[in-house]
C-alpha atoms as a PDB file:
ATOM      1  CA  UNK A   1     -24.716  21.625  12.678  1.00  0.00           C
ATOM      2  CA  UNK A   2     -23.099  18.531  11.526  1.00  0.00           C
ATOM      3  CA  UNK A   3     -24.841  15.772  13.439  1.00  0.00           C
ATOM      4  CA  UNK A   4     -21.587  13.377  13.485  1.00  0.00           C
ATOM      5  CA  UNK A   5     -19.791  16.303  15.825  1.00  0.00           C
ATOM      6  CA  UNK A   6     -22.663  15.756  18.280  1.00  0.00           C
ATOM      7  CA  UNK A   7     -22.461  12.291  18.951  1.00  0.00           C
ATOM      8  CA  UNK A   8     -19.905  10.077  20.891  1.00  0.00           C
ATOM      9  CA  UNK A   9     -18.255   7.323  18.337  1.00  0.00           C
ATOM     10  CA  UNK A  10     -16.370   4.014  18.584  1.00  0.00           C
ATOM     11  CA  UNK A  11     -14.033   2.159  16.816  1.00  0.00           C
ATOM     12  CA  UNK A  12     -11.522  -0.728  16.463  1.00  0.00           C
ATOM     13  CA  UNK A  13      -8.071   0.829  15.825  1.00  0.00           C
ATOM     14  CA  UNK A  14      -6.129  -2.595  15.706  1.00  0.00           C
ATOM     15  CA  UNK A  15      -6.449  -5.043  12.873  1.00  0.00           C
ATOM     16  CA  UNK A  16      -9.257  -7.169  13.088  1.00  0.00           C
ATOM     17  CA  UNK A  17      -9.165 -10.953  13.897  1.00  0.00           C
ATOM     18  CA  UNK A  18      -7.517 -13.017  16.502  1.00  0.00           C
ATOM     19  CA  UNK A  19      -4.448 -10.993  18.650  1.00  0.00           C
ATOM     20  CA  UNK A  20      -2.905 -11.229  21.796  1.00  0.00           C
ATOM     21  CA  UNK A  21      -4.396  -7.625  22.381  1.00  0.00           C
ATOM     22  CA  UNK A  22      -6.858  -5.234  20.372  1.00  0.00           C
ATOM     23  CA  UNK A  23      -7.555  -1.782  20.841  1.00  0.00           C
ATOM     24  CA  UNK A  24     -10.687  -0.112  20.998  1.00  0.00           C
ATOM     25  CA  UNK A  25     -11.464   3.584  21.070  1.00  0.00           C
ATOM     26  CA  UNK A  26     -13.813   5.894  22.088  1.00  0.00           C
ATOM     27  CA  UNK A  27     -14.257   9.780  21.195  1.00  0.00           C
ATOM     28  CA  UNK A  28     -16.596  12.380  21.947  1.00  0.00           C
ATOM     29  CA  UNK A  29     -18.911  14.282  24.524  1.00  0.00           C
ATOM     30  CA  UNK A  30     -20.526  11.001  26.290  1.00  0.00           C
ATOM     31  CA  UNK A  31     -16.718   9.496  26.898  1.00  0.00           C
ATOM     32  CA  UNK A  32     -16.593  10.093  30.532  1.00  0.00           C
ATOM     33  CA  UNK A  33     -20.262   8.443  30.633  1.00  0.00           C
ATOM     34  CA  UNK A  34     -19.515   6.146  28.789  1.00  0.00           C
ATOM     35  CA  UNK A  35     -16.626   5.132  30.981  1.00  0.00           C
ATOM     36  CA  UNK A  36     -18.580   5.207  33.993  1.00  0.00           C
ATOM     37  CA  UNK A  37     -21.025   2.869  32.729  1.00  0.00           C
ATOM     38  CA  UNK A  38     -18.691   0.150  31.411  1.00  0.00           C
ATOM     39  CA  UNK A  39     -16.829   0.189  34.443  1.00  0.00           C
ATOM     40  CA  UNK A  40     -19.838  -0.326  36.626  1.00  0.00           C
ATOM     41  CA  UNK A  41     -19.142   2.957  38.298  1.00  0.00           C
ATOM     42  CA  UNK A  42     -15.098   2.076  38.800  1.00  0.00           C
ATOM     43  CA  UNK A  43     -14.292   5.239  36.898  1.00  0.00           C
ATOM     44  CA  UNK A  44     -16.138   8.759  37.625  1.00  0.00           C
ATOM     45  CA  UNK A  45     -13.472  11.380  36.993  1.00  0.00           C
ATOM     46  CA  UNK A  46     -10.772   9.675  34.901  1.00  0.00           C
ATOM     47  CA  UNK A  47      -7.153  10.977  35.119  1.00  0.00           C
ATOM     48  CA  UNK A  48      -5.830  12.488  31.607  1.00  0.00           C
ATOM     49  CA  UNK A  49      -3.045   9.718  30.355  1.00  0.00           C
ATOM     50  CA  UNK A  50      -3.494   7.473  33.289  1.00  0.00           C
ATOM     51  CA  UNK A  51      -3.661   4.082  33.089  1.00  0.00           C
ATOM     52  CA  UNK A  52      -6.238   1.534  34.857  1.00  0.00           C
ATOM     53  CA  UNK A  53      -6.276  -1.981  35.014  1.00  0.00           C
ATOM     54  CA  UNK A  54      -9.952  -2.664  35.624  1.00  0.00           C
ATOM     55  CA  UNK A  55     -12.997  -5.010  34.540  1.00  0.00           C
ATOM     56  CA  UNK A  56     -15.717  -3.903  32.252  1.00  0.00           C
ATOM     57  CA  UNK A  57     -19.278  -5.279  32.277  1.00  0.00           C
ATOM     58  CA  UNK A  58     -21.940  -4.961  29.342  1.00  0.00           C
ATOM     59  CA  UNK A  59     -25.988  -3.507  30.391  1.00  0.00           C
ATOM     60  CA  UNK A  60     -26.734  -6.425  32.694  1.00  0.00           C
ATOM     61  CA  UNK A  61     -23.394  -6.226  34.526  1.00  0.00           C
ATOM     62  CA  UNK A  62     -21.807  -9.483  32.971  1.00  0.00           C
ATOM     63  CA  UNK A  63     -18.020  -9.532  33.198  1.00  0.00           C
ATOM     64  CA  UNK A  64     -16.730  -8.519  29.266  1.00  0.00           C
ATOM     65  CA  UNK A  65     -12.928  -8.567  30.259  1.00  0.00           C
ATOM     66  CA  UNK A  66     -10.440  -7.536  32.322  1.00  0.00           C
ATOM     67  CA  UNK A  67      -9.021  -4.291  30.264  1.00  0.00           C
ATOM     68  CA  UNK A  68      -6.509  -1.747  30.126  1.00  0.00           C
ATOM     69  CA  UNK A  69      -8.433   1.836  29.993  1.00  0.00           C
ATOM     70  CA  UNK A  70      -6.427   5.115  29.175  1.00  0.00           C
ATOM     71  CA  UNK A  71      -8.091   8.206  29.129  1.00  0.00           C
ATOM     72  CA  UNK A  72      -7.321  11.190  27.453  1.00  0.00           C
ATOM     73  CA  UNK A  73      -9.045  14.482  28.009  1.00  0.00           C
ATOM     74  CA  UNK A  74      -9.947  16.858  25.431  1.00  0.00           C
ATOM     75  CA  UNK A  75      -8.691  18.822  24.142  1.00  0.00           C
ATOM     76  CA  UNK A  76      -5.073  17.040  24.905  1.00  0.00           C
ATOM     77  CA  UNK A  77      -6.088  14.372  22.822  1.00  0.00           C
ATOM     78  CA  UNK A  78      -5.653  12.837  19.460  1.00  0.00           C
ATOM     79  CA  UNK A  79      -9.164  13.860  18.303  1.00  0.00           C
ATOM     80  CA  UNK A  80      -9.162  16.865  20.417  1.00  0.00           C
ATOM     81  CA  UNK A  81     -12.344  15.626  22.167  1.00  0.00           C
ATOM     82  CA  UNK A  82     -12.147  13.340  25.247  1.00  0.00           C
ATOM     83  CA  UNK A  83     -11.311   9.987  24.238  1.00  0.00           C
ATOM     84  CA  UNK A  84     -10.633   6.587  25.310  1.00  0.00           C
ATOM     85  CA  UNK A  85      -8.605   3.419  24.338  1.00  0.00           C
ATOM     86  CA  UNK A  86      -9.747  -0.165  26.350  1.00  0.00           C
ATOM     87  CA  UNK A  87      -7.166  -2.245  25.566  1.00  0.00           C
ATOM     88  CA  UNK A  88      -8.868  -5.883  25.538  1.00  0.00           C
ATOM     89  CA  UNK A  89      -7.559  -9.398  24.929  1.00  0.00           C
ATOM     90  CA  UNK A  90      -7.602  -9.931  21.315  1.00  0.00           C
ATOM     91  CA  UNK A  91     -10.460 -12.758  20.906  1.00  0.00           C
ATOM     92  CA  UNK A  92     -13.095 -11.643  18.642  1.00  0.00           C
ATOM     93  CA  UNK A  93     -16.071 -12.717  20.825  1.00  0.00           C
ATOM     94  CA  UNK A  94     -14.858 -10.065  23.170  1.00  0.00           C
ATOM     95  CA  UNK A  95     -14.260  -7.163  20.908  1.00  0.00           C
ATOM     96  CA  UNK A  96     -17.813  -8.209  19.612  1.00  0.00           C
ATOM     97  CA  UNK A  97     -19.202  -8.060  23.288  1.00  0.00           C
ATOM     98  CA  UNK A  98     -17.510  -4.860  23.823  1.00  0.00           C
ATOM     99  CA  UNK A  99     -18.860  -3.297  20.591  1.00  0.00           C
ATOM    100  CA  UNK A 100     -22.640  -4.887  21.498  1.00  0.00           C
ATOM    101  CA  UNK A 101     -22.390  -3.089  25.077  1.00  0.00           C
ATOM    102  CA  UNK A 102     -21.147   0.431  23.105  1.00  0.00           C
ATOM    103  CA  UNK A 103     -23.858   0.194  20.719  1.00  0.00           C
ATOM    104  CA  UNK A 104     -26.328  -1.015  23.580  1.00  0.00           C
ATOM    105  CA  UNK A 105     -25.043   2.590  25.319  1.00  0.00           C
ATOM    106  CA  UNK A 106     -26.478   4.357  22.429  1.00  0.00           C
ATOM    107  CA  UNK A 107     -22.599   4.695  20.497  1.00  0.00           C
ATOM    108  CA  UNK A 108     -22.310   4.693  16.905  1.00  0.00           C
ATOM    109  CA  UNK A 109     -19.839   2.786  15.208  1.00  0.00           C
ATOM    110  CA  UNK A 110     -16.751   5.112  13.605  1.00  0.00           C
ATOM    111  CA  UNK A 111     -16.908   5.952   9.851  1.00  0.00           C
ATOM    112  CA  UNK A 112     -13.434   4.849   8.204  1.00  0.00           C
ATOM    113  CA  UNK A 113     -10.370   7.343   8.795  1.00  0.00           C
ATOM    114  CA  UNK A 114     -12.967   9.456  11.830  1.00  0.00           C
ATOM    115  CA  UNK A 115     -10.946   9.880  14.182  1.00  0.00           C
ATOM    116  CA  UNK A 116      -7.982  11.184  12.250  1.00  0.00           C
ATOM    117  CA  UNK A 117     -11.023  13.668  10.454  1.00  0.00           C
ATOM    118  CA  UNK A 118     -12.066  14.762  14.043  1.00  0.00           C
ATOM    119  CA  UNK A 119      -8.341  15.926  15.030  1.00  0.00           C
ATOM    120  CA  UNK A 120      -8.469  17.186  11.095  1.00  0.00           C
ATOM    121  CA  UNK A 121     -11.764  19.194  12.224  1.00  0.00           C
ATOM    122  CA  UNK A 122     -10.479  20.176  15.702  1.00  0.00           C
ATOM    123  CA  UNK A 123      -7.478  21.941  14.159  1.00  0.00           C
ATOM    124  CA  UNK A 124      -5.293  18.982  15.901  1.00  0.00           C
ATOM    125  CA  UNK A 125      -3.676  18.134  12.609  1.00  0.00           C
ATOM    126  CA  UNK A 126      -3.799  20.123   9.214  1.00  0.00           C
ATOM    127  CA  UNK A 127      -4.714  18.104   6.029  1.00  0.00           C
ATOM    128  CA  UNK A 128      -1.454  17.022   4.903  1.00  0.00           C
ATOM    129  CA  UNK A 129      -0.893  15.057   8.415  1.00  0.00           C
ATOM    130  CA  UNK A 130      -4.507  14.182   8.345  1.00  0.00           C
ATOM    131  CA  UNK A 131      -3.271  12.250   4.939  1.00  0.00           C
ATOM    132  CA  UNK A 132       0.078  11.135   5.677  1.00  0.00           C
ATOM    133  CA  UNK A 133      -1.740   8.650   8.962  1.00  0.00           C
ATOM    134  CA  UNK A 134      -3.784   6.912   5.466  1.00  0.00           C
ATOM    135  CA  UNK A 135      -0.012   6.986   3.629  1.00  0.00           C
ATOM    136  CA  UNK A 136       1.431   5.776   6.868  1.00  0.00           C
ATOM    137  CA  UNK A 137      -0.928   2.859   7.349  1.00  0.00           C
ATOM    138  CA  UNK A 138      -0.830   1.535   3.723  1.00  0.00           C
ATOM    139  CA  UNK A 139       3.310   2.163   2.997  1.00  0.00           C
ATOM    140  CA  UNK A 140       4.845  -1.292   1.820  1.00  0.00           C
ATOM    141  CA  UNK A 141       8.570   0.363   2.303  1.00  0.00           C
ATOM    142  CA  UNK A 142      10.393   1.474   4.606  1.00  0.00           C
ATOM    143  CA  UNK A 143      11.506   4.909   2.880  1.00  0.00           C
ATOM    144  CA  UNK A 144       7.393   5.359   2.806  1.00  0.00           C
ATOM    145  CA  UNK A 145       7.120   4.686   6.378  1.00  0.00           C
ATOM    146  CA  UNK A 146       9.927   7.201   7.096  1.00  0.00           C
ATOM    147  CA  UNK A 147       8.514   9.633   4.772  1.00  0.00           C
ATOM    148  CA  UNK A 148       4.880   9.347   6.074  1.00  0.00           C
ATOM    149  CA  UNK A 149       6.030   9.863   9.708  1.00  0.00           C
ATOM    150  CA  UNK A 150       8.275  12.878   8.716  1.00  0.00           C
ATOM    151  CA  UNK A 151       4.805  14.332   7.344  1.00  0.00           C
ATOM    152  CA  UNK A 152       3.155  13.467  10.602  1.00  0.00           C
ATOM    153  CA  UNK A 153       5.501  15.194  12.698  1.00  0.00           C
ATOM    154  CA  UNK A 154       4.570  18.365  10.634  1.00  0.00           C
ATOM    155  CA  UNK A 155       8.062  18.734   8.399  1.00  0.00           C
ATOM    156  CA  UNK A 156       6.041  19.035   5.406  1.00  0.00           C
ATOM    157  CA  UNK A 157       3.693  21.299   6.711  1.00  0.00           C
ATOM    158  CA  UNK A 158       6.006  23.436   8.169  1.00  0.00           C
ATOM    159  CA  UNK A 159       8.114  23.435   4.275  1.00  0.00           C
ATOM    160  CA  UNK A 160       4.951  24.432   2.842  1.00  0.00           C
ATOM    161  CA  UNK A 161       4.099  27.252   4.879  1.00  0.00           C
ATOM    162  CA  UNK A 162       7.251  28.959   4.601  1.00  0.00           C
ATOM    163  CA  UNK A 163       7.188  28.548   0.760  1.00  0.00           C
ATOM    164  CA  UNK A 164       3.241  29.977   0.752  1.00  0.00           C
ATOM    165  CA  UNK A 165       4.444  33.041   3.124  1.00  0.00           C
ATOM    166  CA  UNK A 166       7.936  33.097   0.712  1.00  0.00           C
ATOM    167  CA  UNK A 167       5.263  33.629  -2.446  1.00  0.00           C
ATOM    168  CA  UNK A 168       3.148  36.252  -0.815  1.00  0.00           C
ATOM    169  CA  UNK A 169       6.041  38.118   0.322  1.00  0.00           C
ATOM    170  CA  UNK A 170       7.596  38.127  -3.200  1.00  0.00           C
ATOM    171  CA  UNK A 171       4.080  39.047  -4.685  1.00  0.00           C
ATOM    172  CA  UNK A 172       3.706  41.991  -2.120  1.00  0.00           C
ATOM    173  CA  UNK A 173       7.276  43.501  -3.653  1.00  0.00           C
ATOM    174  CA  UNK A 174       5.915  43.129  -7.929  1.00  0.00           C
ATOM    175  CA  UNK A 175       2.485  44.305  -6.487  1.00  0.00           C
ATOM    176  CA  UNK A 176       4.975  47.481  -5.122  1.00  0.00           C
ATOM    177  CA  UNK A 177       7.361  47.547  -7.720  1.00  0.00           C
ATOM    178  CA  UNK A 178       4.106  48.074 -10.552  1.00  0.00           C
ATOM    179  CA  UNK A 179       2.398  50.349  -8.448  1.00  0.00           C
ATOM    180  CA  UNK A 180       5.597  52.642  -8.066  1.00  0.00           C
END
């Protein structure tokens, strides 16, 4: 079995640096337990798509920050697994403290693109949609953004599926004609 599939991982989903807010995502089987630990037991059974404003703490019970936490229960999340978004203040010191706390709790830092890879492996998106996420992130024009958004929504996937079915039907008709 794939070891990475069995682990819970986290990563910064906003650009690094100083900003008003930063978003750290956690995904995997231990997400609920980690959220329980970070909130000093304040969140035991998080509700799907519910936002909560609260404090998070490190393993020594020292305050890290006052944050907004949003929980997404698998399979109804982006990755298909339990997922939480922690919206902190965007000070790099705070982000580092959250990272250190998550590492202390046994999580690992996500590989680049791992959240999207998990979504693909859990059949939440197809390969075209996964590639379109990267294309959207790297688009430099309005047209590129629009095309990527359309592809993420599944429009290109729908067209290619229809073309595939048309080709299979045409091959079936040719095969039947050659045998007849």
